[in-house]
């Protein structure tokens, strides 16, 4: 069957973006061009891949089955073609990373500008989300996550700070009005600003001191989606709404300015820093290899 690779890529762009206009924006093409490519592909395959209405595009069962197998396969094709990059003086191409919002905020700002200045031929795309995804199926070359969320067949490379802490904090005005907690269990009597994952799971707040681990599930007036809603949660704490729990480095500027005051600092729990991870069962694209080498060199000179 003589199916054009470009038509397969067009289907992939539309399916992942959920529409022709959205797919065109993501791929840099045109909506009409994508529509024609998908129509041509459906004709060649003899089956409908997308159900189209005036407002939306939805995968058929056949389309969903093709998408599940096509993403990883085309990634492998790109990786194979990328071997040519090894013969360039400088690596070139696109590097796509799936990254949690915390890493976008706390890890990448110190890395990305210098990496791009060192490798002007590389274009970096960052997809920020909290859910743990199959990076190949999501069209990414690698991701950043923490150790407890890495799969066994992944290669992991340390990136960013090697030790981090979750911190709790509130505005001095809030603490003056409601008192300063002395033990994690005291938080059950306070207004706490919570976060939940996109899956709707709401993780408890965990503390540790002298080997004692305490988990509490406090309540409060505000719940945000972890990642995208984090800034609102911190802003509410600064305004005196309640107590927030988030990465210490995220709150450091507010501690330095006095806008927020640490709460229960002796109980703050430490954990290992994030990792860059990628599948070990595929060729490593040249842009990813350049990024890996760059962060390893930074670690060696730290």
Protein backbone atom coordinates (compact mmCIF):
# COMPACT_ATOMS: atom_id res chain seq x y z
CA UNK A 1 0.00 0.00 0.00
CA UNK A 2 1.52 3.29 -1.15
CA UNK A 3 0.67 5.63 1.74
CA UNK A 4 2.45 8.98 1.91
CA UNK A 5 4.38 9.68 5.10
CA UNK A 6 3.16 13.27 4.97
CA UNK A 7 -0.46 12.11 5.01
CA UNK A 8 0.22 10.00 8.10
CA UNK A 9 1.82 12.99 9.80
CA UNK A 10 -1.19 15.12 8.87
CA UNK A 11 -3.56 12.61 10.48
CA UNK A 12 -1.36 12.50 13.56
CA UNK A 13 -1.37 16.31 13.89
CA UNK A 14 -5.17 16.52 13.59
CA UNK A 15 -5.83 13.59 15.92
CA UNK A 16 -3.51 14.89 18.66
CA UNK A 17 -4.78 18.47 18.42
CA UNK A 18 -8.46 17.52 18.18
CA UNK A 19 -9.21 19.54 15.06
CA UNK A 20 -7.94 20.74 11.70
CA UNK A 21 -7.38 24.35 12.69
CA UNK A 22 -5.70 23.31 15.93
CA UNK A 23 -3.59 20.77 14.06
CA UNK A 24 -2.56 23.41 11.54
CA UNK A 25 -1.42 25.73 14.31
CA UNK A 26 0.58 22.97 15.95
CA UNK A 27 2.18 21.70 12.74
CA UNK A 28 2.68 25.00 10.95
CA UNK A 29 0.54 23.88 7.99
CA UNK A 30 -2.91 24.88 6.78
CA UNK A 31 -6.27 23.46 7.83
CA UNK A 32 -7.26 22.85 4.21
CA UNK A 33 -3.98 21.06 3.52
CA UNK A 34 -4.46 18.79 6.53
CA UNK A 35 -8.06 18.10 5.54
CA UNK A 36 -7.03 17.08 2.04
CA UNK A 37 -4.22 14.87 3.37
CA UNK A 38 -6.53 13.06 5.80
CA UNK A 39 -9.17 12.61 3.10
CA UNK A 40 -6.53 11.15 0.77
CA UNK A 41 -5.33 8.79 3.52
CA UNK A 42 -8.88 7.61 4.25
CA UNK A 43 -9.41 6.93 0.54
CA UNK A 44 -6.20 4.90 0.30
CA UNK A 45 -7.02 2.90 3.45
CA UNK A 46 -10.67 2.49 2.54
CA UNK A 47 -11.89 3.38 6.03
CA UNK A 48 -13.02 6.54 7.83
CA UNK A 49 -10.52 7.68 10.46
CA UNK A 50 -12.24 10.84 11.72
CA UNK A 51 -15.86 11.78 12.31
CA UNK A 52 -16.19 15.45 11.36
CA UNK A 53 -18.84 17.97 12.36
CA UNK A 54 -18.88 21.73 11.89
CA UNK A 55 -17.48 22.18 15.41
CA UNK A 56 -15.44 19.12 16.27
CA UNK A 57 -13.39 16.18 15.08
CA UNK A 58 -13.52 12.78 16.79
CA UNK A 59 -11.59 9.59 16.14
CA UNK A 60 -13.41 6.56 14.83
CA UNK A 61 -12.44 3.18 16.26
CA UNK A 62 -10.21 2.66 13.24
CA UNK A 63 -8.66 6.09 13.74
CA UNK A 64 -8.02 5.44 17.42
CA UNK A 65 -6.33 2.14 16.60
CA UNK A 66 -4.14 3.78 13.97
CA UNK A 67 -3.20 6.63 16.32
CA UNK A 68 -2.14 4.22 19.08
CA UNK A 69 0.36 2.48 16.78
CA UNK A 70 1.30 5.37 14.52
CA UNK A 71 2.77 7.82 17.05
CA UNK A 72 5.56 5.55 18.33
CA UNK A 73 6.23 4.25 14.79
CA UNK A 74 6.71 7.72 13.30
CA UNK A 75 8.88 8.70 16.24
CA UNK A 76 11.12 5.75 15.38
CA UNK A 77 11.24 6.89 11.74
CA UNK A 78 12.27 10.38 12.86
CA UNK A 79 14.93 8.91 15.14
CA UNK A 80 16.32 6.78 12.31
CA UNK A 81 16.47 9.74 9.95
CA UNK A 82 18.06 11.77 12.71
CA UNK A 83 21.14 9.56 12.57
CA UNK A 84 22.23 11.90 9.76
CA UNK A 85 22.51 14.61 12.40
CA UNK A 86 25.51 12.79 13.80
CA UNK A 87 27.44 13.80 10.69
CA UNK A 88 26.77 17.52 11.17
CA UNK A 89 29.17 19.89 12.84
CA UNK A 90 26.26 20.99 15.02
CA UNK A 91 23.11 19.01 15.87
CA UNK A 92 19.89 20.38 14.44
CA UNK A 93 16.20 19.60 14.67
CA UNK A 94 13.38 19.75 17.18
CA UNK A 95 13.53 18.47 20.75
CA UNK A 96 10.16 17.92 22.46
CA UNK A 97 10.06 17.56 26.24
CA UNK A 98 7.07 16.67 28.44
CA UNK A 99 7.62 18.50 31.72
CA UNK A 100 5.65 19.22 34.93
CA UNK A 101 4.88 22.87 35.62
CA UNK A 102 7.15 22.84 38.68
CA UNK A 103 10.13 21.95 36.49
CA UNK A 104 9.18 24.64 33.96
CA UNK A 105 9.22 27.12 36.81
CA UNK A 106 12.13 25.88 38.93
CA UNK A 107 14.48 23.76 36.79
CA UNK A 108 14.44 24.84 33.15
CA UNK A 109 14.97 28.64 33.42
CA UNK A 110 18.59 28.06 34.42
CA UNK A 111 19.14 25.53 31.62
CA UNK A 112 17.14 26.44 28.52
CA UNK A 113 18.66 29.83 27.53
CA UNK A 114 22.22 28.52 27.80
CA UNK A 115 21.40 25.30 25.98
CA UNK A 116 19.77 27.14 23.07
CA UNK A 117 22.67 29.59 22.89
CA UNK A 118 25.07 26.63 22.70
CA UNK A 119 22.98 24.81 20.07
CA UNK A 120 21.40 27.41 17.75
CA UNK A 121 20.32 24.69 15.31
CA UNK A 122 17.96 23.08 17.85
CA UNK A 123 14.34 24.12 18.37
CA UNK A 124 12.98 23.25 21.81
CA UNK A 125 9.29 22.52 22.43
CA UNK A 126 8.09 22.23 26.03
CA UNK A 127 4.77 20.53 26.78
CA UNK A 128 3.89 21.36 30.39
CA UNK A 129 1.47 19.00 32.16
CA UNK A 130 1.25 17.08 35.40
CA UNK A 131 0.06 13.67 34.21
CA UNK A 132 2.62 10.92 33.61
CA UNK A 133 2.44 10.08 29.92
CA UNK A 134 4.03 7.72 27.43
CA UNK A 135 6.45 10.22 25.95
CA UNK A 136 6.63 8.45 22.59
CA UNK A 137 2.85 8.17 22.20
CA UNK A 138 2.60 11.86 23.14
CA UNK A 139 5.02 12.79 20.39
CA UNK A 140 7.82 13.76 22.78
CA UNK A 141 11.44 12.72 22.83
CA UNK A 142 11.85 12.78 26.61
CA UNK A 143 10.29 14.06 29.80
CA UNK A 144 11.12 15.31 33.26
CA UNK A 145 9.62 13.57 36.30
CA UNK A 146 10.52 12.44 39.80
CA UNK A 147 11.96 9.05 40.72
CA UNK A 148 8.75 7.54 42.08
CA UNK A 149 6.97 8.20 38.78
CA UNK A 150 9.55 6.70 36.41
CA UNK A 151 8.85 3.47 34.58
CA UNK A 152 11.35 0.59 34.70
CA UNK A 153 12.34 0.66 31.04
CA UNK A 154 13.30 4.34 31.11
CA UNK A 155 16.81 5.76 31.19
CA UNK A 156 16.98 8.51 33.82
CA UNK A 157 19.51 11.35 33.97
CA UNK A 158 19.59 13.72 36.98
CA UNK A 159 18.58 17.27 36.08
CA UNK A 160 18.28 20.32 38.32
CA UNK A 161 18.65 20.36 42.11
CA UNK A 162 19.28 16.95 43.63
CA UNK A 163 17.43 17.65 46.86
CA UNK A 164 14.19 19.60 47.15
CA UNK A 165 11.66 20.24 49.90
CA UNK A 166 7.95 20.89 50.14
CA UNK A 167 7.30 24.00 52.20
CA UNK A 168 4.22 25.30 53.99
CA UNK A 169 3.66 29.01 54.40
CA UNK A 170 1.12 31.72 55.11
CA UNK A 171 1.07 35.48 55.27
CA UNK A 172 2.10 37.05 58.60
CA UNK A 173 -1.35 38.68 58.76
CA UNK A 174 -3.09 35.30 58.50
CA UNK A 175 -0.87 33.77 61.18
CA UNK A 176 -1.39 36.75 63.47
CA UNK A 177 -5.15 36.25 63.21
CA UNK A 178 -5.31 32.45 63.41
CA UNK A 179 -2.15 31.41 65.24
CA UNK A 180 1.00 29.60 64.15
CA UNK A 181 0.74 25.79 63.87
CA UNK A 182 3.23 23.88 66.04
CA UNK A 183 2.45 20.38 64.77
CA UNK A 184 1.13 19.15 61.39
CA UNK A 185 -2.09 18.03 63.06
CA UNK A 186 -2.77 21.69 63.89
CA UNK A 187 -3.39 22.29 60.17
CA UNK A 188 -6.75 20.53 60.53
CA UNK A 189 -7.96 23.68 62.28
CA UNK A 190 -6.68 26.07 59.59
CA UNK A 191 -7.77 27.25 56.15
CA UNK A 192 -5.48 25.30 53.81
CA UNK A 193 -5.15 25.94 50.09
CA UNK A 194 -5.20 22.58 48.33
CA UNK A 195 -4.32 21.15 44.95
CA UNK A 196 -5.59 18.17 43.01
CA UNK A 197 -4.27 16.30 39.99
CA UNK A 198 -6.14 16.26 36.68
CA UNK A 199 -7.21 12.73 37.66
CA UNK A 200 -9.11 14.34 40.60
CA UNK A 201 -6.79 12.75 43.17
CA UNK A 202 -5.93 15.18 45.98
CA UNK A 203 -2.62 14.22 47.61
CA UNK A 204 -2.39 14.62 51.39
CA UNK A 205 0.21 16.93 52.93
CA UNK A 206 3.14 14.93 54.25
CA UNK A 207 5.63 15.98 56.93
CA UNK A 208 8.61 14.32 58.56
CA UNK A 209 10.74 15.02 61.63
CA UNK A 210 13.22 12.77 63.46
CA UNK A 211 11.92 9.74 61.62
CA UNK A 212 8.26 10.48 62.36
CA UNK A 213 6.09 10.83 59.26
CA UNK A 214 2.74 12.62 59.57
CA UNK A 215 0.15 12.84 56.78
CA UNK A 216 -2.75 15.23 57.09
CA UNK A 217 -5.72 15.94 54.83
CA UNK A 218 -6.75 19.49 55.74
CA UNK A 219 -9.61 21.46 54.25
CA UNK A 220 -9.90 25.03 53.10
CA UNK A 221 -11.63 27.56 50.88
CA UNK A 222 -9.59 26.99 47.69
CA UNK A 223 -8.72 23.94 45.58
CA UNK A 224 -6.78 24.32 42.31
CA UNK A 225 -5.50 21.93 39.67
CA UNK A 226 -1.88 21.14 40.42
CA UNK A 227 0.48 22.78 38.00
CA UNK A 228 -1.58 25.41 36.22
CA UNK A 229 -3.32 26.62 39.37
CA UNK A 230 -0.22 26.86 41.56
CA UNK A 231 0.32 30.60 41.12
CA UNK A 232 -3.25 31.35 42.17
CA UNK A 233 -2.78 29.22 45.28
CA UNK A 234 0.37 31.15 46.22
CA UNK A 235 -1.26 34.52 45.46
CA UNK A 236 -4.16 33.60 47.74
CA UNK A 237 -1.74 32.74 50.53
CA UNK A 238 0.01 36.09 50.11
CA UNK A 239 -3.38 37.79 50.33
CA UNK A 240 -4.05 36.11 53.69
CA UNK A 241 -6.57 33.49 52.57
CA UNK A 242 -4.82 30.53 54.19
CA UNK A 243 -1.82 28.20 54.32
CA UNK A 244 -0.17 26.92 51.14
CA UNK A 245 2.05 23.87 50.55
CA UNK A 246 4.36 23.85 47.52
CA UNK A 247 8.01 23.57 46.52
CA UNK A 248 10.30 25.56 48.80
CA UNK A 249 12.08 27.14 45.83
CA UNK A 250 8.73 28.36 44.50
CA UNK A 251 8.13 30.24 47.76
CA UNK A 252 11.69 31.48 48.32
CA UNK A 253 11.11 34.96 46.78
CA UNK A 254 8.08 35.45 49.06
CA UNK A 255 10.09 34.41 52.12
CA UNK A 256 12.84 36.84 51.16
CA UNK A 257 10.36 39.73 50.74
CA UNK A 258 8.43 38.89 53.92
CA UNK A 259 5.16 38.40 52.01
CA UNK A 260 5.00 34.83 53.34
CA UNK A 261 6.24 33.28 56.57
CA UNK A 262 7.43 29.66 56.82
CA UNK A 263 5.08 27.35 58.71
CA UNK A 264 6.25 24.11 60.39
CA UNK A 265 9.72 24.40 58.80
CA UNK A 266 11.29 21.71 61.06
CA UNK A 267 8.75 19.29 59.56
CA UNK A 268 9.39 20.04 55.88
CA UNK A 269 10.03 16.83 53.98
CA UNK A 270 13.00 16.46 51.65
CA UNK A 271 12.93 14.37 48.47
CA UNK A 272 15.26 13.64 45.58
CA UNK A 273 15.34 16.03 42.64
CA UNK A 274 13.92 15.42 39.15
CA UNK A 275 15.25 13.32 36.29
CA UNK A 276 15.27 13.67 32.55
CA UNK A 277 13.91 10.36 31.29
CA UNK A 278 13.67 8.75 27.87
CA UNK A 279 13.00 5.25 26.50
CA UNK A 280 16.02 3.00 26.36
CA UNK A 281 14.65 0.94 23.48
CA UNK A 282 15.17 3.47 20.68
CA UNK A 283 17.83 5.47 18.91
CA UNK A 284 18.52 8.74 20.71
CA UNK A 285 17.81 11.72 18.39
CA UNK A 286 20.70 14.15 17.99
CA UNK A 287 18.89 17.09 19.69
CA UNK A 288 18.13 14.89 22.72
CA UNK A 289 21.71 13.58 22.81
CA UNK A 290 22.94 17.18 22.77
CA UNK A 291 20.60 18.05 25.67
CA UNK A 292 21.71 15.02 27.69
CA UNK A 293 25.37 15.87 27.15
CA UNK A 294 24.68 19.49 28.11
CA UNK A 295 23.03 18.70 31.46
CA UNK A 296 25.68 16.08 32.28
CA UNK A 297 28.43 18.63 31.62
CA UNK A 298 26.66 21.14 33.89
CA UNK A 299 26.45 18.54 36.65
CA UNK A 300 30.15 17.77 36.33
CA UNK A 301 31.05 21.45 36.69
CA UNK A 302 28.61 22.17 39.52
